[in-house]
Amino acid sequence: MIPIHELLARIRWDPGFGRARFEIAYLDRKRKALVRLPLERTRMSAEERFAFEALEEDGSVHSVPYHRVRAVWRDGELVWSRKAGRGSAV
């Protein structure tokens, strides 16, 4: 399995691969559930190496550490996943 940072870089820089519809699922500790959202509703900064911003449907924005990312889908097909860690709700 490649690190999540490498997959996200490929989506960003590989035009053939990145031309798809991507969704990302992350563990939300408040909801104690996986939250799945379209990649276009995330903001990733080159300066921030440990987290991205998630833009929720209600307009709120919050920071999500990359280690909470659990899965990525490309055009509905699972292309990346990570096992839940010790003590994780999922």
PDB file of N, CA and C in Angstrom:
ATOM      1  N   MET A   1       0.851  -1.180   0.000  1.00  0.00           N
ATOM      2  CA  MET A   1       0.000   0.000   0.000  1.00  0.00           C
ATOM      3  C   MET A   1       0.896   1.244   0.000  1.00  0.00           C
ATOM      4  N   ILE A   2       0.571   2.179  -0.861  1.00  0.00           N
ATOM      5  CA  ILE A   2       1.339   3.421  -0.898  1.00  0.00           C
ATOM      6  C   ILE A   2       0.818   4.368   0.182  1.00  0.00           C
ATOM      7  N   PRO A   3       1.651   5.262   0.670  1.00  0.00           N
ATOM      8  CA  PRO A   3       1.174   6.240   1.657  1.00  0.00           C
ATOM      9  C   PRO A   3       0.116   7.161   1.037  1.00  0.00           C
ATOM     10  N   ILE A   4      -0.784   7.633   1.866  1.00  0.00           N
ATOM     11  CA  ILE A   4      -1.864   8.499   1.387  1.00  0.00           C
ATOM     12  C   ILE A   4      -1.313   9.743   0.697  1.00  0.00           C
ATOM     13  N   HIS A   5      -0.198  10.267   1.168  1.00  0.00           N
ATOM     14  CA  HIS A   5       0.389  11.455   0.542  1.00  0.00           C
ATOM     15  C   HIS A   5       0.780  11.190  -0.915  1.00  0.00           C
ATOM     16  N   GLU A   6       1.301   9.999  -1.189  1.00  0.00           N
ATOM     17  CA  GLU A   6       1.691   9.657  -2.555  1.00  0.00           C
ATOM     18  C   GLU A   6       0.467   9.524  -3.456  1.00  0.00           C
ATOM     19  N   LEU A   7      -0.594   8.924  -2.953  1.00  0.00           N
ATOM     20  CA  LEU A   7      -1.813   8.805  -3.747  1.00  0.00           C
ATOM     21  C   LEU A   7      -2.386  10.184  -4.064  1.00  0.00           C
ATOM     22  N   LEU A   8      -2.452  11.051  -3.074  1.00  0.00           N
ATOM     23  CA  LEU A   8      -2.996  12.391  -3.293  1.00  0.00           C
ATOM     24  C   LEU A   8      -2.126  13.190  -4.262  1.00  0.00           C
ATOM     25  N   ALA A   9      -0.812  13.001  -4.209  1.00  0.00           N
ATOM     26  CA  ALA A   9       0.072  13.667  -5.164  1.00  0.00           C
ATOM     27  C   ALA A   9      -0.178  13.148  -6.576  1.00  0.00           C
ATOM     28  N   ARG A  10      -0.396  11.857  -6.710  1.00  0.00           N
ATOM     29  CA  ARG A  10      -0.683  11.305  -8.038  1.00  0.00           C
ATOM     30  C   ARG A  10      -1.993  11.855  -8.586  1.00  0.00           C
ATOM     31  N   ILE A  11      -3.002  11.951  -7.748  1.00  0.00           N
ATOM     32  CA  ILE A  11      -4.284  12.516  -8.186  1.00  0.00           C
ATOM     33  C   ILE A  11      -4.064  13.945  -8.685  1.00  0.00           C
ATOM     34  N   ARG A  12      -3.256  14.685  -7.965  1.00  0.00           N
ATOM     35  CA  ARG A  12      -3.029  16.094  -8.315  1.00  0.00           C
ATOM     36  C   ARG A  12      -2.171  16.263  -9.565  1.00  0.00           C
ATOM     37  N   TRP A  13      -1.126  15.454  -9.716  1.00  0.00           N
ATOM     38  CA  TRP A  13      -0.134  15.698 -10.766  1.00  0.00           C
ATOM     39  C   TRP A  13      -0.213  14.768 -11.975  1.00  0.00           C
ATOM     40  N   ASP A  14      -0.935  13.671 -11.895  1.00  0.00           N
ATOM     41  CA  ASP A  14      -1.066  12.750 -13.035  1.00  0.00           C
ATOM     42  C   ASP A  14      -2.401  13.016 -13.727  1.00  0.00           C
ATOM     43  N   PRO A  15      -2.373  13.757 -14.855  1.00  0.00           N
ATOM     44  CA  PRO A  15      -3.628  14.159 -15.509  1.00  0.00           C
ATOM     45  C   PRO A  15      -4.513  12.975 -15.890  1.00  0.00           C
ATOM     46  N   GLY A  16      -3.938  11.877 -16.352  1.00  0.00           N
ATOM     47  CA  GLY A  16      -4.740  10.726 -16.740  1.00  0.00           C
ATOM     48  C   GLY A  16      -5.440  10.067 -15.568  1.00  0.00           C
ATOM     49  N   PHE A  17      -4.751   9.949 -14.469  1.00  0.00           N
ATOM     50  CA  PHE A  17      -5.318   9.325 -13.281  1.00  0.00           C
ATOM     51  C   PHE A  17      -6.251  10.276 -12.548  1.00  0.00           C
ATOM     52  N   GLY A  18      -5.867  11.535 -12.455  1.00  0.00           N
ATOM     53  CA  GLY A  18      -6.611  12.514 -11.672  1.00  0.00           C
ATOM     54  C   GLY A  18      -7.876  13.037 -12.324  1.00  0.00           C
ATOM     55  N   ARG A  19      -8.146  12.630 -13.541  1.00  0.00           N
ATOM     56  CA  ARG A  19      -9.307  13.120 -14.277  1.00  0.00           C
ATOM     57  C   ARG A  19     -10.590  12.378 -13.904  1.00  0.00           C
ATOM     58  N   ALA A  20     -10.614  11.737 -12.784  1.00  0.00           N
ATOM     59  CA  ALA A  20     -11.762  10.951 -12.341  1.00  0.00           C
ATOM     60  C   ALA A  20     -12.462  11.647 -11.176  1.00  0.00           C
ATOM     61  N   ARG A  21     -13.551  11.040 -10.722  1.00  0.00           N
ATOM     62  CA  ARG A  21     -14.264  11.540  -9.545  1.00  0.00           C
ATOM     63  C   ARG A  21     -13.759  10.762  -8.338  1.00  0.00           C
ATOM     64  N   PHE A  22     -13.178  11.470  -7.370  1.00  0.00           N
ATOM     65  CA  PHE A  22     -12.615  10.843  -6.185  1.00  0.00           C
ATOM     66  C   PHE A  22     -13.436  11.190  -4.957  1.00  0.00           C
ATOM     67  N   GLU A  23     -13.503  10.221  -4.043  1.00  0.00           N
ATOM     68  CA  GLU A  23     -14.105  10.435  -2.737  1.00  0.00           C
ATOM     69  C   GLU A  23     -13.110   9.938  -1.692  1.00  0.00           C
ATOM     70  N   ILE A  24     -13.139  10.581  -0.538  1.00  0.00           N
ATOM     71  CA  ILE A  24     -12.226  10.242   0.542  1.00  0.00           C
ATOM     72  C   ILE A  24     -13.059   9.978   1.794  1.00  0.00           C
ATOM     73  N   ALA A  25     -12.670   8.968   2.558  1.00  0.00           N
ATOM     74  CA  ALA A  25     -13.368   8.661   3.815  1.00  0.00           C
ATOM     75  C   ALA A  25     -12.376   8.830   4.954  1.00  0.00           C
ATOM     76  N   TYR A  26     -12.803   9.537   5.973  1.00  0.00           N
ATOM     77  CA  TYR A  26     -11.945   9.740   7.139  1.00  0.00           C
ATOM     78  C   TYR A  26     -12.729   9.461   8.407  1.00  0.00           C
ATOM     79  N   LEU A  27     -12.001   9.112   9.445  1.00  0.00           N
ATOM     80  CA  LEU A  27     -12.610   8.836  10.734  1.00  0.00           C
ATOM     81  C   LEU A  27     -12.878  10.149  11.444  1.00  0.00           C
ATOM     82  N   ASP A  28     -14.145  10.395  11.750  1.00  0.00           N
ATOM     83  CA  ASP A  28     -14.535  11.575  12.526  1.00  0.00           C
ATOM     84  C   ASP A  28     -14.718  11.120  13.965  1.00  0.00           C
ATOM     85  N   ARG A  29     -13.857  11.591  14.824  1.00  0.00           N
ATOM     86  CA  ARG A  29     -13.896  11.131  16.223  1.00  0.00           C
ATOM     87  C   ARG A  29     -15.113  11.652  16.983  1.00  0.00           C
ATOM     88  N   LYS A  30     -15.642  12.808  16.613  1.00  0.00           N
ATOM     89  CA  LYS A  30     -16.848  13.312  17.299  1.00  0.00           C
ATOM     90  C   LYS A  30     -18.055  12.455  16.957  1.00  0.00           C
ATOM     91  N   ARG A  31     -18.221  12.140  15.675  1.00  0.00           N
ATOM     92  CA  ARG A  31     -19.358  11.331  15.231  1.00  0.00           C
ATOM     93  C   ARG A  31     -19.141   9.843  15.473  1.00  0.00           C
ATOM     94  N   LYS A  32     -17.873   9.454  15.704  1.00  0.00           N
ATOM     95  CA  LYS A  32     -17.499   8.056  15.857  1.00  0.00           C
ATOM     96  C   LYS A  32     -17.948   7.249  14.647  1.00  0.00           C
ATOM     97  N   ALA A  33     -17.646   7.804  13.478  1.00  0.00           N
ATOM     98  CA  ALA A  33     -18.043   7.163  12.219  1.00  0.00           C
ATOM     99  C   ALA A  33     -17.127   7.633  11.101  1.00  0.00           C
ATOM    100  N   LEU A  34     -17.185   6.901   9.996  1.00  0.00           N
ATOM    101  CA  LEU A  34     -16.476   7.348   8.810  1.00  0.00           C
ATOM    102  C   LEU A  34     -17.311   8.395   8.090  1.00  0.00           C
ATOM    103  N   VAL A  35     -16.655   9.429   7.653  1.00  0.00           N
ATOM    104  CA  VAL A  35     -17.306  10.470   6.862  1.00  0.00           C
ATOM    105  C   VAL A  35     -16.731  10.364   5.458  1.00  0.00           C
ATOM    106  N   ARG A  36     -17.604  10.263   4.487  1.00  0.00           N
ATOM    107  CA  ARG A  36     -17.191  10.132   3.092  1.00  0.00           C
ATOM    108  C   ARG A  36     -17.573  11.411   2.367  1.00  0.00           C
ATOM    109  N   LEU A  37     -16.589  12.046   1.712  1.00  0.00           N
ATOM    110  CA  LEU A  37     -16.906  13.268   0.995  1.00  0.00           C
ATOM    111  C   LEU A  37     -16.109  13.340  -0.297  1.00  0.00           C
ATOM    112  N   PRO A  38     -16.651  14.054  -1.289  1.00  0.00           N
ATOM    113  CA  PRO A  38     -15.937  14.226  -2.555  1.00  0.00           C
ATOM    114  C   PRO A  38     -14.616  14.947  -2.327  1.00  0.00           C
ATOM    115  N   LEU A  39     -13.600  14.554  -3.054  1.00  0.00           N
ATOM    116  CA  LEU A  39     -12.284  15.151  -2.889  1.00  0.00           C
ATOM    117  C   LEU A  39     -12.302  16.645  -3.176  1.00  0.00           C
ATOM    118  N   GLU A  40     -13.195  17.092  -4.050  1.00  0.00           N
ATOM    119  CA  GLU A  40     -13.267  18.531  -4.343  1.00  0.00           C
ATOM    120  C   GLU A  40     -13.769  19.344  -3.148  1.00  0.00           C
ATOM    121  N   ARG A  41     -14.277  18.678  -2.120  1.00  0.00           N
ATOM    122  CA  ARG A  41     -14.677  19.385  -0.896  1.00  0.00           C
ATOM    123  C   ARG A  41     -13.582  19.328   0.165  1.00  0.00           C
ATOM    124  N   THR A  42     -12.348  19.137  -0.289  1.00  0.00           N
ATOM    125  CA  THR A  42     -11.200  19.184   0.616  1.00  0.00           C
ATOM    126  C   THR A  42     -10.236  20.243   0.109  1.00  0.00           C
ATOM    127  N   ARG A  43      -9.467  20.786   1.027  1.00  0.00           N
ATOM    128  CA  ARG A  43      -8.400  21.726   0.675  1.00  0.00           C
ATOM    129  C   ARG A  43      -7.104  21.169   1.227  1.00  0.00           C
ATOM    130  N   MET A  44      -6.122  21.033   0.336  1.00  0.00           N
ATOM    131  CA  MET A  44      -4.821  20.528   0.743  1.00  0.00           C
ATOM    132  C   MET A  44      -3.773  21.560   0.400  1.00  0.00           C
ATOM    133  N   SER A  45      -2.940  21.841   1.363  1.00  0.00           N
ATOM    134  CA  SER A  45      -1.913  22.857   1.210  1.00  0.00           C
ATOM    135  C   SER A  45      -0.538  22.199   1.237  1.00  0.00           C
ATOM    136  N   ALA A  46       0.358  22.667   0.371  1.00  0.00           N
ATOM    137  CA  ALA A  46       1.731  22.147   0.345  1.00  0.00           C
ATOM    138  C   ALA A  46       2.452  22.455   1.658  1.00  0.00           C
ATOM    139  N   GLU A  47       2.063  23.539   2.315  1.00  0.00           N
ATOM    140  CA  GLU A  47       2.703  23.919   3.574  1.00  0.00           C
ATOM    141  C   GLU A  47       2.263  23.033   4.737  1.00  0.00           C
ATOM    142  N   GLU A  48       1.066  22.489   4.667  1.00  0.00           N
ATOM    143  CA  GLU A  48       0.530  21.650   5.748  1.00  0.00           C
ATOM    144  C   GLU A  48       0.754  20.187   5.374  1.00  0.00           C
ATOM    145  N   ARG A  49       1.678  19.535   6.075  1.00  0.00           N
ATOM    146  CA  ARG A  49       2.048  18.164   5.737  1.00  0.00           C
ATOM    147  C   ARG A  49       1.291  17.112   6.522  1.00  0.00           C
ATOM    148  N   PHE A  50       0.538  17.505   7.546  1.00  0.00           N
ATOM    149  CA  PHE A  50      -0.071  16.521   8.427  1.00  0.00           C
ATOM    150  C   PHE A  50      -1.594  16.493   8.399  1.00  0.00           C
ATOM    151  N   ALA A  51      -2.229  17.450   7.721  1.00  0.00           N
ATOM    152  CA  ALA A  51      -3.694  17.511   7.734  1.00  0.00           C
ATOM    153  C   ALA A  51      -4.218  18.221   6.495  1.00  0.00           C
ATOM    154  N   PHE A  52      -5.500  18.026   6.229  1.00  0.00           N
ATOM    155  CA  PHE A  52      -6.196  18.761   5.169  1.00  0.00           C
ATOM    156  C   PHE A  52      -7.448  19.365   5.775  1.00  0.00           C
ATOM    157  N   GLU A  53      -8.068  20.275   5.054  1.00  0.00           N
ATOM    158  CA  GLU A  53      -9.320  20.876   5.518  1.00  0.00           C
ATOM    159  C   GLU A  53     -10.487  20.203   4.820  1.00  0.00           C
ATOM    160  N   ALA A  54     -11.494  19.841   5.608  1.00  0.00           N
ATOM    161  CA  ALA A  54     -12.723  19.243   5.088  1.00  0.00           C
ATOM    162  C   ALA A  54     -13.815  20.302   5.100  1.00  0.00           C
ATOM    163  N   LEU A  55     -14.484  20.463   3.961  1.00  0.00           N
ATOM    164  CA  LEU A  55     -15.584  21.418   3.823  1.00  0.00           C
ATOM    165  C   LEU A  55     -16.894  20.636   3.933  1.00  0.00           C
ATOM    166  N   GLU A  56     -17.554  20.764   5.057  1.00  0.00           N
ATOM    167  CA  GLU A  56     -18.776  20.006   5.305  1.00  0.00           C
ATOM    168  C   GLU A  56     -19.975  20.614   4.564  1.00  0.00           C
ATOM    169  N   GLU A  57     -21.032  19.823   4.431  1.00  0.00           N
ATOM    170  CA  GLU A  57     -22.232  20.275   3.727  1.00  0.00           C
ATOM    171  C   GLU A  57     -22.863  21.499   4.380  1.00  0.00           C
ATOM    172  N   ASP A  58     -22.715  21.643   5.694  1.00  0.00           N
ATOM    173  CA  ASP A  58     -23.305  22.787   6.386  1.00  0.00           C
ATOM    174  C   ASP A  58     -22.451  24.049   6.268  1.00  0.00           C
ATOM    175  N   GLY A  59     -21.331  23.962   5.525  1.00  0.00           N
ATOM    176  CA  GLY A  59     -20.468  25.124   5.334  1.00  0.00           C
ATOM    177  C   GLY A  59     -19.318  25.222   6.323  1.00  0.00           C
ATOM    178  N   SER A  60     -19.325  24.377   7.331  1.00  0.00           N
ATOM    179  CA  SER A  60     -18.230  24.416   8.295  1.00  0.00           C
ATOM    180  C   SER A  60     -16.967  23.807   7.685  1.00  0.00           C
ATOM    181  N   VAL A  61     -15.831  24.237   8.207  1.00  0.00           N
ATOM    182  CA  VAL A  61     -14.531  23.747   7.757  1.00  0.00           C
ATOM    183  C   VAL A  61     -13.754  23.298   8.980  1.00  0.00           C
ATOM    184  N   HIS A  62     -13.132  22.124   8.885  1.00  0.00           N
ATOM    185  CA  HIS A  62     -12.301  21.678   9.997  1.00  0.00           C
ATOM    186  C   HIS A  62     -11.111  20.896   9.469  1.00  0.00           C
ATOM    187  N   SER A  63     -10.093  20.817  10.299  1.00  0.00           N
ATOM    188  CA  SER A  63      -8.855  20.141   9.939  1.00  0.00           C
ATOM    189  C   SER A  63      -8.955  18.643  10.230  1.00  0.00           C
ATOM    190  N   VAL A  64      -8.473  17.834   9.284  1.00  0.00           N
ATOM    191  CA  VAL A  64      -8.478  16.381   9.438  1.00  0.00           C
ATOM    192  C   VAL A  64      -7.049  15.872   9.246  1.00  0.00           C
ATOM    193  N   PRO A  65      -6.465  15.245  10.252  1.00  0.00           N
ATOM    194  CA  PRO A  65      -5.122  14.687  10.090  1.00  0.00           C
ATOM    195  C   PRO A  65      -5.136  13.554   9.057  1.00  0.00           C
ATOM    196  N   TYR A  66      -4.083  13.467   8.260  1.00  0.00           N
ATOM    197  CA  TYR A  66      -4.008  12.428   7.235  1.00  0.00           C
ATOM    198  C   TYR A  66      -4.083  11.023   7.813  1.00  0.00           C
ATOM    199  N   HIS A  67      -3.640  10.834   9.056  1.00  0.00           N
ATOM    200  CA  HIS A  67      -3.683   9.488   9.620  1.00  0.00           C
ATOM    201  C   HIS A  67      -5.116   9.010   9.879  1.00  0.00           C
ATOM    202  N   ARG A  68      -6.095   9.901   9.787  1.00  0.00           N
ATOM    203  CA  ARG A  68      -7.491   9.484   9.947  1.00  0.00           C
ATOM    204  C   ARG A  68      -8.153   9.083   8.628  1.00  0.00           C
ATOM    205  N   VAL A  69      -7.464   9.272   7.515  1.00  0.00           N
ATOM    206  CA  VAL A  69      -8.020   8.847   6.221  1.00  0.00           C
ATOM    207  C   VAL A  69      -8.043   7.326   6.202  1.00  0.00           C
ATOM    208  N   ARG A  70      -9.198   6.765   5.866  1.00  0.00           N
ATOM    209  CA  ARG A  70      -9.364   5.316   5.869  1.00  0.00           C
ATOM    210  C   ARG A  70      -9.543   4.715   4.475  1.00  0.00           C
ATOM    211  N   ALA A  71     -10.061   5.506   3.492  1.00  0.00           N
ATOM    212  CA  ALA A  71     -10.297   4.935   2.168  1.00  0.00           C
ATOM    213  C   ALA A  71     -10.423   6.040   1.129  1.00  0.00           C
ATOM    214  N   VAL A  72     -10.114   5.655  -0.128  1.00  0.00           N
ATOM    215  CA  VAL A  72     -10.258   6.564  -1.270  1.00  0.00           C
ATOM    216  C   VAL A  72     -10.887   5.765  -2.406  1.00  0.00           C
ATOM    217  N   TRP A  73     -11.890   6.360  -3.057  1.00  0.00           N
ATOM    218  CA  TRP A  73     -12.552   5.758  -4.207  1.00  0.00           C
ATOM    219  C   TRP A  73     -12.297   6.602  -5.447  1.00  0.00           C
ATOM    220  N   ARG A  74     -12.115   5.939  -6.574  1.00  0.00           N
ATOM    221  CA  ARG A  74     -11.964   6.588  -7.877  1.00  0.00           C
ATOM    222  C   ARG A  74     -13.101   6.090  -8.760  1.00  0.00           C
ATOM    223  N   ASP A  75     -13.975   6.993  -9.155  1.00  0.00           N
ATOM    224  CA  ASP A  75     -15.160   6.633  -9.952  1.00  0.00           C
ATOM    225  C   ASP A  75     -15.923   5.464  -9.327  1.00  0.00           C
ATOM    226  N   GLY A  76     -16.064   5.506  -7.999  1.00  0.00           N
ATOM    227  CA  GLY A  76     -16.838   4.497  -7.282  1.00  0.00           C
ATOM    228  C   GLY A  76     -16.081   3.227  -6.943  1.00  0.00           C
ATOM    229  N   GLU A  77     -14.851   3.067  -7.410  1.00  0.00           N
ATOM    230  CA  GLU A  77     -14.059   1.870  -7.132  1.00  0.00           C
ATOM    231  C   GLU A  77     -13.031   2.170  -6.042  1.00  0.00           C
ATOM    232  N   LEU A  78     -12.984   1.325  -5.033  1.00  0.00           N
ATOM    233  CA  LEU A  78     -12.031   1.495  -3.945  1.00  0.00           C
ATOM    234  C   LEU A  78     -10.621   1.313  -4.497  1.00  0.00           C
ATOM    235  N   VAL A  79      -9.774   2.357  -4.349  1.00  0.00           N
ATOM    236  CA  VAL A  79      -8.401   2.286  -4.861  1.00  0.00           C
ATOM    237  C   VAL A  79      -7.365   2.339  -3.741  1.00  0.00           C
ATOM    238  N   TRP A  80      -7.791   2.681  -2.527  1.00  0.00           N
ATOM    239  CA  TRP A  80      -6.856   2.770  -1.409  1.00  0.00           C
ATOM    240  C   TRP A  80      -7.639   2.599  -0.127  1.00  0.00           C
ATOM    241  N   SER A  81      -7.086   1.846   0.825  1.00  0.00           N
ATOM    242  CA  SER A  81      -7.725   1.728   2.138  1.00  0.00           C
ATOM    243  C   SER A  81      -6.661   1.428   3.185  1.00  0.00           C
ATOM    244  N   ARG A  82      -7.015   1.730   4.403  1.00  0.00           N
ATOM    245  CA  ARG A  82      -6.134   1.503   5.542  1.00  0.00           C
ATOM    246  C   ARG A  82      -6.951   0.835   6.634  1.00  0.00           C
ATOM    247  N   LYS A  83      -6.332  -0.092   7.309  1.00  0.00           N
ATOM    248  CA  LYS A  83      -6.998  -0.719   8.449  1.00  0.00           C
ATOM    249  C   LYS A  83      -7.172   0.289   9.553  1.00  0.00           C
ATOM    250  N   ALA A  84      -8.204   0.116  10.323  1.00  0.00           N
ATOM    251  CA  ALA A  84      -8.403   0.971  11.510  1.00  0.00           C
ATOM    252  C   ALA A  84      -7.332   0.632  12.527  1.00  0.00           C
ATOM    253  N   GLY A  85      -6.826   1.651  13.190  1.00  0.00           N
ATOM    254  CA  GLY A  85      -5.767   1.462  14.184  1.00  0.00           C
ATOM    255  C   GLY A  85      -6.302   0.976  15.509  1.00  0.00           C
ATOM    256  N   ARG A  86      -5.390   0.698  16.402  1.00  0.00           N
ATOM    257  CA  ARG A  86      -5.747   0.268  17.740  1.00  0.00           C
ATOM    258  C   ARG A  86      -6.537   1.357  18.446  1.00  0.00           C
ATOM    259  N   GLY A  87      -7.618   1.011  19.085  1.00  0.00           N
ATOM    260  CA  GLY A  87      -8.432   1.982  19.808  1.00  0.00           C
ATOM    261  C   GLY A  87      -9.324   2.792  18.912  1.00  0.00           C
ATOM    262  N   SER A  88      -9.394   2.463  17.652  1.00  0.00           N
ATOM    263  CA  SER A  88     -10.199   3.213  16.696  1.00  0.00           C
ATOM    264  C   SER A  88     -11.645   2.734  16.725  1.00  0.00           C
ATOM    265  N   ALA A  89     -12.551   3.646  16.451  1.00  0.00           N
ATOM    266  CA  ALA A  89     -13.970   3.285  16.442  1.00  0.00           C
ATOM    267  C   ALA A  89     -14.332   2.481  15.208  1.00  0.00           C
ATOM    268  N   VAL A  90     -13.547   2.612  14.149  1.00  0.00           N
ATOM    269  CA  VAL A  90     -13.879   1.908  12.890  1.00  0.00           C
ATOM    270  C   VAL A  90     -12.694   1.099  12.438  1.00  0.00           C
TER     271      VAL A  90
END
